PDB file of N, CA and C in Angstrom:
ATOM      1  N   UNK A   1      -5.779   8.386  -3.811  1.00  0.00           N
ATOM      2  CA  UNK A   1      -4.497   8.646  -4.808  1.00  0.00           C
ATOM      3  C   UNK A   1      -3.605   7.481  -4.125  1.00  0.00           C
ATOM      4  N   UNK A   2      -3.112   6.882  -5.419  1.00  0.00           N
ATOM      5  CA  UNK A   2      -2.062   5.740  -5.329  1.00  0.00           C
ATOM      6  C   UNK A   2      -0.775   6.258  -5.846  1.00  0.00           C
ATOM      7  N   UNK A   3       0.222   6.082  -4.987  1.00  0.00           N
ATOM      8  CA  UNK A   3       1.583   6.508  -5.390  1.00  0.00           C
ATOM      9  C   UNK A   3       2.406   5.352  -5.743  1.00  0.00           C
ATOM     10  N   UNK A   4       3.057   5.355  -6.900  1.00  0.00           N
ATOM     11  CA  UNK A   4       3.993   4.324  -7.520  1.00  0.00           C
ATOM     12  C   UNK A   4       5.367   4.967  -7.699  1.00  0.00           C
ATOM     13  N   UNK A   5       6.411   4.171  -7.098  1.00  0.00           N
ATOM     14  CA  UNK A   5       7.685   4.431  -7.289  1.00  0.00           C
ATOM     15  C   UNK A   5       8.393   3.256  -7.872  1.00  0.00           C
ATOM     16  N   UNK A   6       8.883   3.544  -9.164  1.00  0.00           N
ATOM     17  CA  UNK A   6       9.713   2.306  -9.696  1.00  0.00           C
ATOM     18  C   UNK A   6      11.164   2.609  -9.393  1.00  0.00           C
ATOM     19  N   UNK A   7      11.549   1.858  -8.606  1.00  0.00           N
ATOM     20  CA  UNK A   7      12.798   1.754  -8.097  1.00  0.00           C
ATOM     21  C   UNK A   7      14.055   1.735  -8.998  1.00  0.00           C
ATOM     22  N   UNK A   8      13.892   0.770  -9.980  1.00  0.00           N
ATOM     23  CA  UNK A   8      15.045   0.559 -10.968  1.00  0.00           C
ATOM     24  C   UNK A   8      14.973   1.697 -12.022  1.00  0.00           C
ATOM     25  N   UNK A   9      13.799   2.034 -12.182  1.00  0.00           N
ATOM     26  CA  UNK A   9      13.611   3.276 -13.320  1.00  0.00           C
ATOM     27  C   UNK A   9      13.674   4.700 -12.699  1.00  0.00           C
ATOM     28  N   UNK A  10      13.756   4.760 -11.200  1.00  0.00           N
ATOM     29  CA  UNK A  10      13.769   5.975 -10.449  1.00  0.00           C
ATOM     30  C   UNK A  10      12.783   6.957 -10.917  1.00  0.00           C
ATOM     31  N   UNK A  11      11.506   6.450 -11.181  1.00  0.00           N
ATOM     32  CA  UNK A  11      10.326   7.341 -11.572  1.00  0.00           C
ATOM     33  C   UNK A  11       9.100   7.350 -10.535  1.00  0.00           C
ATOM     34  N   UNK A  12       8.490   8.462 -10.291  1.00  0.00           N
ATOM     35  CA  UNK A  12       7.424   8.472  -9.488  1.00  0.00           C
ATOM     36  C   UNK A  12       6.049   8.690 -10.412  1.00  0.00           C
ATOM     37  N   UNK A  13       5.000   8.001  -9.972  1.00  0.00           N
ATOM     38  CA  UNK A  13       3.679   8.065 -10.711  1.00  0.00           C
ATOM     39  C   UNK A  13       2.773   8.197  -9.622  1.00  0.00           C
ATOM     40  N   UNK A  14       1.664   9.037  -9.936  1.00  0.00           N
ATOM     41  CA  UNK A  14       0.554   9.018  -9.198  1.00  0.00           C
ATOM     42  C   UNK A  14      -0.643   8.767  -9.945  1.00  0.00           C
ATOM     43  N   UNK A  15      -1.562   7.993  -9.283  1.00  0.00           N
ATOM     44  CA  UNK A  15      -2.771   7.510 -10.040  1.00  0.00           C
ATOM     45  C   UNK A  15      -4.016   7.703  -9.215  1.00  0.00           C
ATOM     46  N   UNK A  16      -5.112   7.738  -9.879  1.00  0.00           N
ATOM     47  CA  UNK A  16      -6.402   7.978  -9.105  1.00  0.00           C
ATOM     48  C   UNK A  16      -7.144   6.692  -8.567  1.00  0.00           C
ATOM     49  N   UNK A  17      -6.710   5.657  -9.090  1.00  0.00           N
ATOM     50  CA  UNK A  17      -7.016   4.311  -8.551  1.00  0.00           C
ATOM     51  C   UNK A  17      -6.137   3.198  -8.989  1.00  0.00           C
ATOM     52  N   UNK A  18      -6.247   1.887  -8.467  1.00  0.00           N
ATOM     53  CA  UNK A  18      -5.437   0.875  -8.682  1.00  0.00           C
ATOM     54  C   UNK A  18      -5.590   0.474 -10.159  1.00  0.00           C
ATOM     55  N   UNK A  19      -6.730   0.571 -10.768  1.00  0.00           N
ATOM     56  CA  UNK A  19      -6.828   0.106 -11.991  1.00  0.00           C
ATOM     57  C   UNK A  19      -6.277   0.974 -12.942  1.00  0.00           C
ATOM     58  N   UNK A  20      -6.091   2.262 -12.712  1.00  0.00           N
ATOM     59  CA  UNK A  20      -5.402   3.253 -13.385  1.00  0.00           C
ATOM     60  C   UNK A  20      -4.031   3.023 -13.689  1.00  0.00           C
ATOM     61  N   UNK A  21      -3.355   2.226 -12.800  1.00  0.00           N
ATOM     62  CA  UNK A  21      -1.842   2.039 -12.710  1.00  0.00           C
ATOM     63  C   UNK A  21      -1.701   1.178 -13.796  1.00  0.00           C
ATOM     64  N   UNK A  22      -2.540   0.191 -14.006  1.00  0.00           N
ATOM     65  CA  UNK A  22      -2.440  -0.799 -15.174  1.00  0.00           C
ATOM     66  C   UNK A  22      -2.862  -0.285 -16.582  1.00  0.00           C
ATOM     67  N   UNK A  23      -3.273   0.876 -16.610  1.00  0.00           N
ATOM     68  CA  UNK A  23      -3.633   1.554 -17.903  1.00  0.00           C
ATOM     69  C   UNK A  23      -2.245   2.000 -18.377  1.00  0.00           C
ATOM     70  N   UNK A  24      -1.402   2.542 -17.561  1.00  0.00           N
ATOM     71  CA  UNK A  24      -0.121   3.035 -17.920  1.00  0.00           C
ATOM     72  C   UNK A  24       1.089   2.138 -17.738  1.00  0.00           C
ATOM     73  N   UNK A  25       1.098   1.366 -16.758  1.00  0.00           N
ATOM     74  CA  UNK A  25       2.224   0.330 -16.536  1.00  0.00           C
ATOM     75  C   UNK A  25       1.743  -1.034 -16.543  1.00  0.00           C
ATOM     76  N   UNK A  26       2.791  -1.821 -16.878  1.00  0.00           N
ATOM     77  CA  UNK A  26       2.463  -3.359 -16.992  1.00  0.00           C
ATOM     78  C   UNK A  26       2.689  -4.030 -15.504  1.00  0.00           C
ATOM     79  N   UNK A  27       2.104  -5.103 -15.191  1.00  0.00           N
ATOM     80  CA  UNK A  27       2.431  -5.928 -14.016  1.00  0.00           C
ATOM     81  C   UNK A  27       3.800  -6.082 -13.795  1.00  0.00           C
ATOM     82  N   UNK A  28       4.549  -6.277 -14.759  1.00  0.00           N
ATOM     83  CA  UNK A  28       6.063  -6.558 -14.664  1.00  0.00           C
ATOM     84  C   UNK A  28       6.850  -5.357 -14.205  1.00  0.00           C
ATOM     85  N   UNK A  29       6.310  -4.199 -14.520  1.00  0.00           N
ATOM     86  CA  UNK A  29       6.959  -3.087 -13.969  1.00  0.00           C
ATOM     87  C   UNK A  29       6.648  -2.640 -12.870  1.00  0.00           C
ATOM     88  N   UNK A  30       5.347  -3.001 -12.299  1.00  0.00           N
ATOM     89  CA  UNK A  30       4.929  -2.637 -11.085  1.00  0.00           C
ATOM     90  C   UNK A  30       5.368  -3.719  -9.970  1.00  0.00           C
ATOM     91  N   UNK A  31       5.677  -5.032 -10.461  1.00  0.00           N
ATOM     92  CA  UNK A  31       6.022  -6.052  -9.583  1.00  0.00           C
ATOM     93  C   UNK A  31       5.031  -6.741  -8.903  1.00  0.00           C
ATOM     94  N   UNK A  32       3.724  -6.405  -9.295  1.00  0.00           N
ATOM     95  CA  UNK A  32       2.530  -7.237  -8.589  1.00  0.00           C
ATOM     96  C   UNK A  32       1.386  -7.028  -9.618  1.00  0.00           C
ATOM     97  N   UNK A  33       0.504  -8.021  -9.687  1.00  0.00           N
ATOM     98  CA  UNK A  33      -0.751  -7.837 -10.484  1.00  0.00           C
ATOM     99  C   UNK A  33      -1.751  -7.029  -9.873  1.00  0.00           C
ATOM    100  N   UNK A  34      -2.805  -6.663 -10.734  1.00  0.00           N
ATOM    101  CA  UNK A  34      -3.906  -5.940 -10.158  1.00  0.00           C
ATOM    102  C   UNK A  34      -4.621  -6.481  -8.948  1.00  0.00           C
ATOM    103  N   UNK A  35      -5.009  -7.851  -8.968  1.00  0.00           N
ATOM    104  CA  UNK A  35      -5.670  -8.485  -7.853  1.00  0.00           C
ATOM    105  C   UNK A  35      -4.871  -8.609  -6.663  1.00  0.00           C
ATOM    106  N   UNK A  36      -3.559  -8.676  -6.742  1.00  0.00           N
ATOM    107  CA  UNK A  36      -2.788  -8.769  -5.764  1.00  0.00           C
ATOM    108  C   UNK A  36      -2.603  -7.315  -4.812  1.00  0.00           C
ATOM    109  N   UNK A  37      -2.697  -6.199  -5.840  1.00  0.00           N
ATOM    110  CA  UNK A  37      -2.763  -4.807  -4.960  1.00  0.00           C
ATOM    111  C   UNK A  37      -4.145  -4.850  -4.491  1.00  0.00           C
ATOM    112  N   UNK A  38      -5.153  -5.222  -5.157  1.00  0.00           N
ATOM    113  CA  UNK A  38      -6.678  -5.039  -4.635  1.00  0.00           C
ATOM    114  C   UNK A  38      -6.872  -5.777  -3.379  1.00  0.00           C
ATOM    115  N   UNK A  39      -6.233  -6.774  -3.150  1.00  0.00           N
ATOM    116  CA  UNK A  39      -6.394  -7.562  -1.911  1.00  0.00           C
ATOM    117  C   UNK A  39      -5.358  -7.130  -0.717  1.00  0.00           C
ATOM    118  N   UNK A  40      -4.606  -5.963  -0.945  1.00  0.00           N
ATOM    119  CA  UNK A  40      -3.834  -5.515   0.218  1.00  0.00           C
ATOM    120  C   UNK A  40      -4.816  -4.900   1.189  1.00  0.00           C
ATOM    121  N   UNK A  41      -4.488  -5.266   2.317  1.00  0.00           N
ATOM    122  CA  UNK A  41      -5.381  -4.488   3.616  1.00  0.00           C
ATOM    123  C   UNK A  41      -4.865  -3.040   3.805  1.00  0.00           C
ATOM    124  N   UNK A  42      -5.557  -2.094   3.059  1.00  0.00           N
ATOM    125  CA  UNK A  42      -5.116  -0.817   3.060  1.00  0.00           C
ATOM    126  C   UNK A  42      -5.209  -0.135   4.504  1.00  0.00           C
ATOM    127  N   UNK A  43      -6.109  -0.573   5.175  1.00  0.00           N
ATOM    128  CA  UNK A  43      -6.363  -0.006   6.629  1.00  0.00           C
ATOM    129  C   UNK A  43      -5.056  -0.328   7.502  1.00  0.00           C
ATOM    130  N   UNK A  44      -4.407  -1.342   7.157  1.00  0.00           N
ATOM    131  CA  UNK A  44      -3.234  -1.768   7.913  1.00  0.00           C
ATOM    132  C   UNK A  44      -1.968  -1.176   7.433  1.00  0.00           C
ATOM    133  N   UNK A  45      -2.015  -0.445   6.251  1.00  0.00           N
ATOM    134  CA  UNK A  45      -0.837  -0.013   5.472  1.00  0.00           C
ATOM    135  C   UNK A  45      -0.681   1.497   5.910  1.00  0.00           C
ATOM    136  N   UNK A  46       0.706   1.779   6.241  1.00  0.00           N
ATOM    137  CA  UNK A  46       1.096   2.943   6.469  1.00  0.00           C
ATOM    138  C   UNK A  46       1.223   3.791   5.325  1.00  0.00           C
ATOM    139  N   UNK A  47       0.817   5.106   5.547  1.00  0.00           N
ATOM    140  CA  UNK A  47       0.700   6.141   4.427  1.00  0.00           C
ATOM    141  C   UNK A  47       1.675   7.328   4.973  1.00  0.00           C
ATOM    142  N   UNK A  48       2.421   7.973   4.172  1.00  0.00           N
ATOM    143  CA  UNK A  48       3.302   8.962   4.534  1.00  0.00           C
ATOM    144  C   UNK A  48       2.974  10.083   3.533  1.00  0.00           C
ATOM    145  N   UNK A  49       2.646  11.131   3.887  1.00  0.00           N
ATOM    146  CA  UNK A  49       2.398  12.313   3.011  1.00  0.00           C
ATOM    147  C   UNK A  49       3.556  13.220   3.375  1.00  0.00           C
ATOM    148  N   UNK A  50       4.173  13.818   2.471  1.00  0.00           N
ATOM    149  CA  UNK A  50       5.177  14.812   2.611  1.00  0.00           C
ATOM    150  C   UNK A  50       4.756  16.137   2.138  1.00  0.00           C
ATOM    151  N   UNK A  51       4.980  17.201   2.773  1.00  0.00           N
ATOM    152  CA  UNK A  51       4.600  18.502   2.506  1.00  0.00           C
ATOM    153  C   UNK A  51       5.142  18.990   1.172  1.00  0.00           C
ATOM    154  N   UNK A  52       4.402  19.399   0.456  1.00  0.00           N
ATOM    155  CA  UNK A  52       4.932  19.853  -0.897  1.00  0.00           C
ATOM    156  C   UNK A  52       4.829  19.039  -2.106  1.00  0.00           C
ATOM    157  N   UNK A  53       4.601  17.656  -1.664  1.00  0.00           N
ATOM    158  CA  UNK A  53       4.760  16.588  -2.605  1.00  0.00           C
ATOM    159  C   UNK A  53       3.388  16.489  -3.562  1.00  0.00           C
ATOM    160  N   UNK A  54       2.238  16.885  -2.912  1.00  0.00           N
ATOM    161  CA  UNK A  54       1.035  17.028  -3.643  1.00  0.00           C
ATOM    162  C   UNK A  54       0.841  18.351  -3.932  1.00  0.00           C
TER     163      UNK A  54
END
């Protein structure tokens, strides 16, 4: 699951994949292109799950 929070719009989105983000939002809205997110080293990225969020 991929969580996207748009700071300026104050909106939360949940997607099943990185590609699904760009089916709904533009790269300008996200602030990064598909390949940029694809190349992130996810194993080195922190993940915070909050109870009740999912």
